[in-house]
Amino acid sequence: AELAAALEESARLEEERRAPDEQASSSLAAERPPSVEEEEPPDDFVCPITTEVMSDPVMAADGHSYERSAIERWLATKSTSPMTGEALVHSFLAPNHTLRRQIREWEEANAC
């Protein structure tokens, strides 16, 4: 239930953030040939809270990586893992430099 609420909150925040960009992105989509398909990112590159590709991935005590801002919002009100629901033994977030580099390389290769 907590994960669902966090996902709804993240989706709402993303909608608010994207609203000004909608006209620009829809016109870009119209200009792109329909034959050009965007490659889906690897699952490990996607934050389980925001469901977006991470730009600042951090690893939490549960061993999972999350977008820093999303997990910080989560931990501001909870002390459990968003993935398992189990209590986290600590709230330290370690930067996941390897994953960040892999995401950047994938983005460059796919011209994101």
N, C-alpha and C. Protein backbone atom coordinates (compact mmCIF):
# COMPACT_ATOMS: atom_id res chain seq x y z
N ALA A 1 0.83 -1.19 0.00
CA ALA A 1 0.00 0.00 0.00
C ALA A 1 0.88 1.25 0.00
N GLU A 2 1.97 1.23 0.79
CA GLU A 2 2.86 2.40 0.82
C GLU A 2 3.51 2.62 -0.53
N LEU A 3 3.92 1.52 -1.20
CA LEU A 3 4.55 1.64 -2.51
C LEU A 3 3.56 2.23 -3.51
N ALA A 4 2.33 1.78 -3.47
CA ALA A 4 1.32 2.30 -4.39
C ALA A 4 1.12 3.79 -4.17
N ALA A 5 1.05 4.20 -2.91
CA ALA A 5 0.88 5.63 -2.61
C ALA A 5 2.08 6.43 -3.09
N ALA A 6 3.28 5.89 -2.90
CA ALA A 6 4.49 6.59 -3.35
C ALA A 6 4.53 6.68 -4.87
N LEU A 7 4.11 5.62 -5.54
CA LEU A 7 4.07 5.65 -7.01
C LEU A 7 3.07 6.67 -7.51
N GLU A 8 1.90 6.74 -6.85
CA GLU A 8 0.90 7.74 -7.25
C GLU A 8 1.44 9.15 -7.05
N GLU A 9 2.11 9.39 -5.92
CA GLU A 9 2.68 10.69 -5.64
C GLU A 9 3.76 11.03 -6.68
N SER A 10 4.62 10.08 -7.01
CA SER A 10 5.66 10.30 -8.01
C SER A 10 5.05 10.61 -9.36
N ALA A 11 4.01 9.87 -9.74
CA ALA A 11 3.34 10.11 -11.02
C ALA A 11 2.73 11.50 -11.05
N ARG A 12 2.12 11.93 -9.94
CA ARG A 12 1.52 13.26 -9.87
C ARG A 12 2.60 14.33 -10.02
N LEU A 13 3.71 14.16 -9.32
CA LEU A 13 4.80 15.13 -9.41
C LEU A 13 5.38 15.18 -10.82
N GLU A 14 5.52 14.02 -11.44
CA GLU A 14 6.03 13.97 -12.82
C GLU A 14 5.08 14.69 -13.77
N GLU A 15 3.77 14.50 -13.59
CA GLU A 15 2.78 15.16 -14.43
C GLU A 15 2.90 16.67 -14.29
N GLU A 16 3.04 17.15 -13.05
CA GLU A 16 3.17 18.59 -12.82
C GLU A 16 4.43 19.12 -13.48
N ARG A 17 5.50 18.36 -13.39
CA ARG A 17 6.78 18.79 -13.94
C ARG A 17 6.73 18.82 -15.46
N ARG A 18 6.02 17.89 -16.07
CA ARG A 18 6.00 17.76 -17.52
C ARG A 18 4.95 18.64 -18.19
N ALA A 19 3.96 19.10 -17.47
CA ALA A 19 2.86 19.85 -18.07
C ALA A 19 3.34 20.97 -19.01
N PRO A 20 4.31 21.81 -18.62
CA PRO A 20 4.74 22.86 -19.55
C PRO A 20 5.42 22.33 -20.81
N ASP A 21 5.96 21.11 -20.74
CA ASP A 21 6.70 20.56 -21.88
C ASP A 21 5.81 19.77 -22.83
N GLU A 22 4.55 19.54 -22.48
CA GLU A 22 3.71 18.66 -23.27
C GLU A 22 3.56 19.12 -24.72
N GLN A 23 3.34 20.42 -24.93
CA GLN A 23 3.16 20.90 -26.30
C GLN A 23 4.43 20.67 -27.11
N ALA A 24 5.58 20.95 -26.54
CA ALA A 24 6.84 20.76 -27.26
C ALA A 24 7.08 19.29 -27.57
N SER A 25 6.86 18.41 -26.59
CA SER A 25 7.14 16.99 -26.83
C SER A 25 6.14 16.38 -27.81
N SER A 26 4.88 16.83 -27.79
CA SER A 26 3.92 16.26 -28.73
C SER A 26 4.24 16.71 -30.15
N SER A 27 4.75 17.94 -30.33
CA SER A 27 5.11 18.37 -31.68
C SER A 27 6.36 17.63 -32.15
N LEU A 28 7.26 17.33 -31.23
CA LEU A 28 8.45 16.56 -31.60
C LEU A 28 8.05 15.15 -32.03
N ALA A 29 7.13 14.55 -31.32
CA ALA A 29 6.68 13.20 -31.66
C ALA A 29 6.03 13.20 -33.04
N ALA A 30 5.32 14.27 -33.37
CA ALA A 30 4.66 14.34 -34.67
C ALA A 30 5.68 14.45 -35.80
N GLU A 31 6.81 15.09 -35.53
CA GLU A 31 7.84 15.28 -36.55
C GLU A 31 8.65 14.00 -36.79
N ARG A 32 8.73 13.15 -35.80
CA ARG A 32 9.55 11.94 -35.89
C ARG A 32 8.84 10.90 -36.75
N PRO A 33 9.55 10.27 -37.65
CA PRO A 33 8.91 9.23 -38.46
C PRO A 33 8.41 8.10 -37.58
N PRO A 34 7.24 7.53 -37.88
CA PRO A 34 6.70 6.46 -37.04
C PRO A 34 7.55 5.21 -37.04
N SER A 35 8.42 5.05 -38.03
CA SER A 35 9.26 3.85 -38.09
C SER A 35 10.38 3.88 -37.05
N VAL A 36 10.68 5.06 -36.51
CA VAL A 36 11.76 5.18 -35.52
C VAL A 36 11.20 4.78 -34.16
N GLU A 37 11.69 3.67 -33.63
CA GLU A 37 11.22 3.21 -32.32
C GLU A 37 12.31 3.47 -31.29
N GLU A 38 11.92 3.99 -30.14
CA GLU A 38 12.88 4.22 -29.08
C GLU A 38 13.14 2.90 -28.37
N GLU A 39 14.42 2.65 -28.12
CA GLU A 39 14.79 1.42 -27.41
C GLU A 39 14.44 1.57 -25.94
N GLU A 40 13.79 0.56 -25.40
CA GLU A 40 13.44 0.58 -23.98
C GLU A 40 14.72 0.47 -23.14
N PRO A 41 14.80 1.23 -22.05
CA PRO A 41 15.98 1.13 -21.19
C PRO A 41 15.99 -0.19 -20.43
N PRO A 42 17.17 -0.69 -20.10
CA PRO A 42 17.24 -1.90 -19.26
C PRO A 42 16.52 -1.64 -17.93
N ASP A 43 15.89 -2.65 -17.39
CA ASP A 43 15.13 -2.50 -16.14
C ASP A 43 15.98 -1.93 -15.01
N ASP A 44 17.26 -2.30 -14.96
CA ASP A 44 18.13 -1.82 -13.89
C ASP A 44 18.36 -0.31 -13.95
N PHE A 45 18.07 0.32 -15.09
CA PHE A 45 18.29 1.76 -15.25
C PHE A 45 17.07 2.56 -14.79
N VAL A 46 15.98 1.87 -14.50
CA VAL A 46 14.72 2.52 -14.17
C VAL A 46 14.48 2.48 -12.66
N CYS A 47 14.19 3.64 -12.08
CA CYS A 47 13.91 3.72 -10.65
C CYS A 47 12.58 3.04 -10.36
N PRO A 48 12.54 2.13 -9.38
CA PRO A 48 11.28 1.46 -9.06
C PRO A 48 10.24 2.38 -8.44
N ILE A 49 10.64 3.56 -7.98
CA ILE A 49 9.68 4.50 -7.41
C ILE A 49 9.10 5.41 -8.49
N THR A 50 9.96 5.98 -9.31
CA THR A 50 9.49 6.93 -10.34
C THR A 50 9.13 6.27 -11.66
N THR A 51 9.65 5.07 -11.89
CA THR A 51 9.54 4.33 -13.16
C THR A 51 10.16 5.11 -14.32
N GLU A 52 11.13 5.98 -14.01
CA GLU A 52 11.87 6.74 -15.01
C GLU A 52 13.34 6.33 -14.96
N VAL A 53 14.06 6.56 -16.06
CA VAL A 53 15.50 6.30 -16.08
C VAL A 53 16.15 7.22 -15.05
N MET A 54 17.04 6.65 -14.26
CA MET A 54 17.67 7.42 -13.19
C MET A 54 18.79 8.31 -13.73
N SER A 55 18.96 9.47 -13.10
CA SER A 55 20.08 10.34 -13.43
C SER A 55 21.08 10.42 -12.27
N ASP A 56 20.60 10.15 -11.05
CA ASP A 56 21.46 10.17 -9.86
C ASP A 56 21.14 8.93 -9.02
N PRO A 57 21.54 7.74 -9.52
CA PRO A 57 21.19 6.52 -8.79
C PRO A 57 21.99 6.35 -7.50
N VAL A 58 21.28 5.93 -6.46
CA VAL A 58 21.92 5.62 -5.18
C VAL A 58 21.43 4.25 -4.73
N MET A 59 22.27 3.57 -3.94
CA MET A 59 21.89 2.26 -3.42
C MET A 59 21.49 2.41 -1.95
N ALA A 60 20.34 1.85 -1.62
CA ALA A 60 19.85 1.88 -0.24
C ALA A 60 20.26 0.60 0.48
N ALA A 61 19.93 0.52 1.74
CA ALA A 61 20.31 -0.63 2.57
C ALA A 61 19.70 -1.94 2.07
N ASP A 62 18.63 -1.87 1.28
CA ASP A 62 18.01 -3.10 0.77
C ASP A 62 18.74 -3.66 -0.45
N GLY A 63 19.81 -2.96 -0.91
CA GLY A 63 20.59 -3.43 -2.05
C GLY A 63 20.03 -3.00 -3.39
N HIS A 64 18.91 -2.29 -3.39
CA HIS A 64 18.30 -1.81 -4.63
C HIS A 64 18.73 -0.37 -4.90
N SER A 65 18.78 0.00 -6.18
CA SER A 65 19.12 1.37 -6.55
C SER A 65 17.85 2.15 -6.86
N TYR A 66 17.89 3.43 -6.48
CA TYR A 66 16.76 4.34 -6.66
C TYR A 66 17.29 5.70 -7.12
N GLU A 67 16.42 6.50 -7.72
CA GLU A 67 16.75 7.89 -8.00
C GLU A 67 16.87 8.59 -6.65
N ARG A 68 17.96 9.34 -6.46
CA ARG A 68 18.24 9.95 -5.15
C ARG A 68 17.03 10.74 -4.61
N SER A 69 16.49 11.63 -5.41
CA SER A 69 15.40 12.49 -4.92
C SER A 69 14.17 11.66 -4.52
N ALA A 70 13.89 10.59 -5.25
CA ALA A 70 12.72 9.76 -4.97
C ALA A 70 12.88 8.99 -3.67
N ILE A 71 14.04 8.39 -3.46
CA ILE A 71 14.23 7.60 -2.23
C ILE A 71 14.37 8.54 -1.02
N GLU A 72 14.92 9.74 -1.23
CA GLU A 72 14.99 10.69 -0.12
C GLU A 72 13.59 11.10 0.32
N ARG A 73 12.68 11.33 -0.66
CA ARG A 73 11.28 11.65 -0.32
C ARG A 73 10.65 10.48 0.43
N TRP A 74 10.92 9.26 -0.04
CA TRP A 74 10.37 8.05 0.59
C TRP A 74 10.85 7.97 2.04
N LEU A 75 12.16 8.13 2.23
CA LEU A 75 12.74 7.97 3.57
C LEU A 75 12.39 9.11 4.51
N ALA A 76 11.88 10.20 3.99
CA ALA A 76 11.47 11.31 4.84
C ALA A 76 10.28 10.93 5.71
N THR A 77 9.50 9.93 5.26
CA THR A 77 8.31 9.54 6.02
C THR A 77 8.27 8.05 6.38
N LYS A 78 9.22 7.28 5.84
CA LYS A 78 9.20 5.83 6.06
C LYS A 78 10.60 5.31 6.36
N SER A 79 10.66 4.14 6.98
CA SER A 79 11.97 3.51 7.23
C SER A 79 11.97 2.09 6.67
N THR A 80 11.17 1.88 5.62
CA THR A 80 11.07 0.56 5.00
C THR A 80 11.56 0.62 3.56
N SER A 81 11.84 -0.55 3.01
CA SER A 81 12.25 -0.65 1.62
C SER A 81 11.04 -0.49 0.71
N PRO A 82 11.13 0.37 -0.32
CA PRO A 82 10.02 0.47 -1.27
C PRO A 82 9.81 -0.83 -2.06
N MET A 83 10.86 -1.63 -2.18
CA MET A 83 10.78 -2.86 -2.97
C MET A 83 10.24 -4.03 -2.16
N THR A 84 10.67 -4.17 -0.92
CA THR A 84 10.30 -5.35 -0.13
C THR A 84 9.33 -5.05 1.01
N GLY A 85 9.25 -3.79 1.42
CA GLY A 85 8.41 -3.43 2.56
C GLY A 85 9.06 -3.74 3.90
N GLU A 86 10.24 -4.34 3.87
CA GLU A 86 10.92 -4.68 5.12
C GLU A 86 11.66 -3.46 5.67
N ALA A 87 11.90 -3.46 6.98
CA ALA A 87 12.61 -2.36 7.63
C ALA A 87 14.03 -2.26 7.08
N LEU A 88 14.47 -1.02 6.84
CA LEU A 88 15.86 -0.80 6.42
C LEU A 88 16.73 -0.68 7.66
N VAL A 89 17.91 -1.31 7.63
CA VAL A 89 18.79 -1.30 8.81
C VAL A 89 19.45 0.06 8.99
N HIS A 90 19.52 0.86 7.92
CA HIS A 90 20.03 2.23 8.01
C HIS A 90 19.46 3.03 6.85
N SER A 91 19.62 4.34 6.91
CA SER A 91 19.08 5.19 5.84
C SER A 91 20.18 5.81 4.98
N PHE A 92 21.41 5.30 5.13
CA PHE A 92 22.52 5.81 4.31
C PHE A 92 22.29 5.45 2.85
N LEU A 93 22.50 6.41 1.96
CA LEU A 93 22.36 6.18 0.52
C LEU A 93 23.73 6.32 -0.13
N ALA A 94 24.20 5.25 -0.75
CA ALA A 94 25.52 5.26 -1.38
C ALA A 94 25.38 5.55 -2.88
N PRO A 95 26.13 6.52 -3.39
CA PRO A 95 26.07 6.78 -4.84
C PRO A 95 26.44 5.52 -5.61
N ASN A 96 25.69 5.24 -6.67
CA ASN A 96 25.96 4.07 -7.50
C ASN A 96 26.63 4.58 -8.78
N HIS A 97 27.93 4.85 -8.69
CA HIS A 97 28.68 5.44 -9.80
C HIS A 97 28.72 4.53 -11.02
N THR A 98 28.85 3.25 -10.80
CA THR A 98 28.90 2.31 -11.93
C THR A 98 27.59 2.34 -12.71
N LEU A 99 26.48 2.31 -12.00
CA LEU A 99 25.17 2.35 -12.67
C LEU A 99 24.99 3.68 -13.39
N ARG A 100 25.40 4.78 -12.77
CA ARG A 100 25.28 6.09 -13.40
C ARG A 100 26.06 6.12 -14.72
N ARG A 101 27.28 5.58 -14.70
CA ARG A 101 28.09 5.54 -15.92
C ARG A 101 27.43 4.69 -16.99
N GLN A 102 26.89 3.53 -16.60
CA GLN A 102 26.21 2.65 -17.57
C GLN A 102 24.99 3.33 -18.18
N ILE A 103 24.23 4.06 -17.36
CA ILE A 103 23.06 4.77 -17.86
C ILE A 103 23.49 5.85 -18.85
N ARG A 104 24.53 6.61 -18.52
CA ARG A 104 25.01 7.66 -19.44
C ARG A 104 25.49 7.06 -20.76
N GLU A 105 26.20 5.94 -20.69
CA GLU A 105 26.67 5.29 -21.91
C GLU A 105 25.48 4.82 -22.76
N TRP A 106 24.45 4.26 -22.10
CA TRP A 106 23.26 3.81 -22.82
C TRP A 106 22.54 5.01 -23.46
N GLU A 107 22.44 6.10 -22.71
CA GLU A 107 21.77 7.30 -23.24
C GLU A 107 22.52 7.85 -24.45
N GLU A 108 23.85 7.88 -24.38
CA GLU A 108 24.63 8.37 -25.52
C GLU A 108 24.47 7.46 -26.72
N ALA A 109 24.49 6.16 -26.50
CA ALA A 109 24.37 5.20 -27.60
C ALA A 109 22.98 5.24 -28.24
N ASN A 110 21.97 5.64 -27.44
CA ASN A 110 20.60 5.70 -27.95
C ASN A 110 20.12 7.12 -28.20
N ALA A 111 21.06 8.07 -28.14
CA ALA A 111 20.77 9.49 -28.40
C ALA A 111 19.54 9.98 -27.63
N CYS A 112 19.54 9.71 -26.32
CA CYS A 112 18.40 10.15 -25.48
C CYS A 112 18.57 11.60 -25.09
